[in-house]
């Protein structure tokens, strides 16, 4: 099965997120972050559920500090929801999958 979540480096962000025709969920995370690992299964499940309707990407903040600081990321996990190149919504911290789902539903229906 194809990977449903793309891992991005800073130089790919413009092309893969800002210029995307699909809405995009961006998960800013770090490997050492416990709450990031807590939400990972929910993000993975949602990426399968919304395949073809929403693009899912992960950005490692340790490896992409300039990108993270450019978006003012102060805490991780931070999940941002983009549509037509603009941030439409975001969630900071570990939240239930239902929170991500409701934001994704709003994004795809907009």
C-alpha atoms as a PDB file:
ATOM      1  CA  UNK A   1       0.000   0.000   0.000  1.00  0.00           C
ATOM      2  CA  UNK A   2       1.242   3.480  -0.809  1.00  0.00           C
ATOM      3  CA  UNK A   3       2.423   5.695   2.018  1.00  0.00           C
ATOM      4  CA  UNK A   4      -0.404   8.080   2.912  1.00  0.00           C
ATOM      5  CA  UNK A   5       1.755  10.585   4.815  1.00  0.00           C
ATOM      6  CA  UNK A   6       4.606  12.426   3.168  1.00  0.00           C
ATOM      7  CA  UNK A   7       7.640  13.528   5.208  1.00  0.00           C
ATOM      8  CA  UNK A   8       8.781  16.965   4.034  1.00  0.00           C
ATOM      9  CA  UNK A   9      11.939  18.974   4.240  1.00  0.00           C
ATOM     10  CA  UNK A  10      11.756  22.762   4.334  1.00  0.00           C
ATOM     11  CA  UNK A  11      12.590  23.250   0.646  1.00  0.00           C
ATOM     12  CA  UNK A  12       9.654  21.026  -0.379  1.00  0.00           C
ATOM     13  CA  UNK A  13       7.057  22.892   1.682  1.00  0.00           C
ATOM     14  CA  UNK A  14       6.205  25.554  -0.892  1.00  0.00           C
ATOM     15  CA  UNK A  15       5.553  23.029  -3.656  1.00  0.00           C
ATOM     16  CA  UNK A  16       3.837  20.316  -1.592  1.00  0.00           C
ATOM     17  CA  UNK A  17       1.742  22.458   0.772  1.00  0.00           C
ATOM     18  CA  UNK A  18       1.372  26.041  -0.425  1.00  0.00           C
ATOM     19  CA  UNK A  19       0.831  25.128  -4.080  1.00  0.00           C
ATOM     20  CA  UNK A  20      -1.252  22.011  -3.398  1.00  0.00           C
ATOM     21  CA  UNK A  21      -4.602  21.714  -5.162  1.00  0.00           C
ATOM     22  CA  UNK A  22      -5.860  19.632  -2.225  1.00  0.00           C
ATOM     23  CA  UNK A  23      -6.307  20.845   1.356  1.00  0.00           C
ATOM     24  CA  UNK A  24      -3.277  19.835   3.450  1.00  0.00           C
ATOM     25  CA  UNK A  25      -2.861  18.684   7.046  1.00  0.00           C
ATOM     26  CA  UNK A  26       0.678  19.474   8.269  1.00  0.00           C
ATOM     27  CA  UNK A  27       1.883  17.722  11.414  1.00  0.00           C
ATOM     28  CA  UNK A  28       4.867  19.552  12.966  1.00  0.00           C
ATOM     29  CA  UNK A  29       6.521  16.989  15.252  1.00  0.00           C
ATOM     30  CA  UNK A  30       9.809  15.659  16.661  1.00  0.00           C
ATOM     31  CA  UNK A  31      10.888  12.054  17.172  1.00  0.00           C
ATOM     32  CA  UNK A  32      11.511  12.594  20.910  1.00  0.00           C
ATOM     33  CA  UNK A  33       8.068  14.173  21.521  1.00  0.00           C
ATOM     34  CA  UNK A  34       5.720  11.900  23.500  1.00  0.00           C
ATOM     35  CA  UNK A  35       2.485  13.739  22.606  1.00  0.00           C
ATOM     36  CA  UNK A  36       3.564  13.637  18.942  1.00  0.00           C
ATOM     37  CA  UNK A  37       3.790   9.847  19.158  1.00  0.00           C
ATOM     38  CA  UNK A  38       0.406   9.797  20.916  1.00  0.00           C
ATOM     39  CA  UNK A  39      -1.420  11.460  18.000  1.00  0.00           C
ATOM     40  CA  UNK A  40       0.522   9.652  15.237  1.00  0.00           C
ATOM     41  CA  UNK A  41      -1.870   6.651  14.976  1.00  0.00           C
ATOM     42  CA  UNK A  42      -4.888   8.966  14.661  1.00  0.00           C
ATOM     43  CA  UNK A  43      -3.170  11.021  11.954  1.00  0.00           C
ATOM     44  CA  UNK A  44      -2.214   7.804  10.139  1.00  0.00           C
ATOM     45  CA  UNK A  45      -5.800   6.498  10.266  1.00  0.00           C
ATOM     46  CA  UNK A  46      -7.245   9.817   9.081  1.00  0.00           C
ATOM     47  CA  UNK A  47      -4.734   9.936   6.213  1.00  0.00           C
ATOM     48  CA  UNK A  48      -6.238   6.695   4.918  1.00  0.00           C
ATOM     49  CA  UNK A  49      -9.811   7.830   5.520  1.00  0.00           C
ATOM     50  CA  UNK A  50      -9.291  11.142   3.661  1.00  0.00           C
ATOM     51  CA  UNK A  51      -6.996   9.766   0.924  1.00  0.00           C
ATOM     52  CA  UNK A  52      -7.554  11.626  -2.328  1.00  0.00           C
ATOM     53  CA  UNK A  53      -9.368  14.474  -0.573  1.00  0.00           C
ATOM     54  CA  UNK A  54      -6.680  15.806   1.802  1.00  0.00           C
ATOM     55  CA  UNK A  55      -2.895  15.629   1.578  1.00  0.00           C
ATOM     56  CA  UNK A  56      -1.118  14.670   4.818  1.00  0.00           C
ATOM     57  CA  UNK A  57       2.455  15.760   5.524  1.00  0.00           C
ATOM     58  CA  UNK A  58       4.775  15.615   8.517  1.00  0.00           C
ATOM     59  CA  UNK A  59       7.548  18.125   9.213  1.00  0.00           C
ATOM     60  CA  UNK A  60      10.239  17.231  11.739  1.00  0.00           C
ATOM     61  CA  UNK A  61      10.867  20.468  13.654  1.00  0.00           C
ATOM     62  CA  UNK A  62      14.376  19.404  14.694  1.00  0.00           C
ATOM     63  CA  UNK A  63      15.398  19.020  11.058  1.00  0.00           C
ATOM     64  CA  UNK A  64      13.408  22.034   9.796  1.00  0.00           C
ATOM     65  CA  UNK A  65      13.814  24.659  12.516  1.00  0.00           C
ATOM     66  CA  UNK A  66      13.675  27.588  10.113  1.00  0.00           C
ATOM     67  CA  UNK A  67      10.351  26.436   8.663  1.00  0.00           C
ATOM     68  CA  UNK A  68       8.889  25.788  12.123  1.00  0.00           C
ATOM     69  CA  UNK A  69       9.967  29.186  13.435  1.00  0.00           C
ATOM     70  CA  UNK A  70       8.579  30.825  10.284  1.00  0.00           C
ATOM     71  CA  UNK A  71       5.147  29.538  11.306  1.00  0.00           C
ATOM     72  CA  UNK A  72       5.680  30.501  14.940  1.00  0.00           C
ATOM     73  CA  UNK A  73       5.674  26.909  16.170  1.00  0.00           C
ATOM     74  CA  UNK A  74       6.382  27.128  19.909  1.00  0.00           C
ATOM     75  CA  UNK A  75       4.985  23.766  21.041  1.00  0.00           C
ATOM     76  CA  UNK A  76       4.669  20.390  19.403  1.00  0.00           C
ATOM     77  CA  UNK A  77       2.722  18.662  18.197  1.00  0.00           C
ATOM     78  CA  UNK A  78       1.241  21.507  16.185  1.00  0.00           C
ATOM     79  CA  UNK A  79      -1.097  20.434  13.398  1.00  0.00           C
ATOM     80  CA  UNK A  80      -1.935  23.056  10.777  1.00  0.00           C
ATOM     81  CA  UNK A  81      -4.683  22.850   8.187  1.00  0.00           C
ATOM     82  CA  UNK A  82      -3.981  24.563   4.858  1.00  0.00           C
ATOM     83  CA  UNK A  83      -6.340  25.342   2.004  1.00  0.00           C
ATOM     84  CA  UNK A  84      -5.288  27.160  -1.168  1.00  0.00           C
ATOM     85  CA  UNK A  85      -1.900  27.918   0.384  1.00  0.00           C
ATOM     86  CA  UNK A  86      -3.219  29.569   3.532  1.00  0.00           C
ATOM     87  CA  UNK A  87      -3.461  28.366   7.132  1.00  0.00           C
ATOM     88  CA  UNK A  88      -7.158  27.829   7.829  1.00  0.00           C
ATOM     89  CA  UNK A  89      -6.934  26.298  11.295  1.00  0.00           C
ATOM     90  CA  UNK A  90      -4.550  24.681  13.752  1.00  0.00           C
ATOM     91  CA  UNK A  91      -4.381  22.495  16.825  1.00  0.00           C
ATOM     92  CA  UNK A  92      -1.592  22.567  19.402  1.00  0.00           C
ATOM     93  CA  UNK A  93      -1.018  19.563  21.643  1.00  0.00           C
ATOM     94  CA  UNK A  94      -2.360  16.044  21.767  1.00  0.00           C
ATOM     95  CA  UNK A  95      -6.105  16.011  21.158  1.00  0.00           C
ATOM     96  CA  UNK A  96      -8.594  13.226  20.355  1.00  0.00           C
ATOM     97  CA  UNK A  97      -8.904  12.055  16.748  1.00  0.00           C
ATOM     98  CA  UNK A  98     -12.430  13.504  16.678  1.00  0.00           C
ATOM     99  CA  UNK A  99     -10.968  17.036  16.888  1.00  0.00           C
ATOM    100  CA  UNK A 100      -8.806  16.443  13.813  1.00  0.00           C
ATOM    101  CA  UNK A 101     -11.741  14.800  12.041  1.00  0.00           C
ATOM    102  CA  UNK A 102     -14.078  17.763  12.607  1.00  0.00           C
ATOM    103  CA  UNK A 103     -11.431  20.197  11.328  1.00  0.00           C
ATOM    104  CA  UNK A 104     -10.787  18.007   8.273  1.00  0.00           C
ATOM    105  CA  UNK A 105     -14.524  17.828   7.558  1.00  0.00           C
ATOM    106  CA  UNK A 106     -14.717  21.631   7.699  1.00  0.00           C
ATOM    107  CA  UNK A 107     -11.701  21.879   5.394  1.00  0.00           C
ATOM    108  CA  UNK A 108     -13.039  19.545   2.699  1.00  0.00           C
ATOM    109  CA  UNK A 109     -16.504  21.097   2.768  1.00  0.00           C
ATOM    110  CA  UNK A 110     -15.207  24.691   2.483  1.00  0.00           C
END
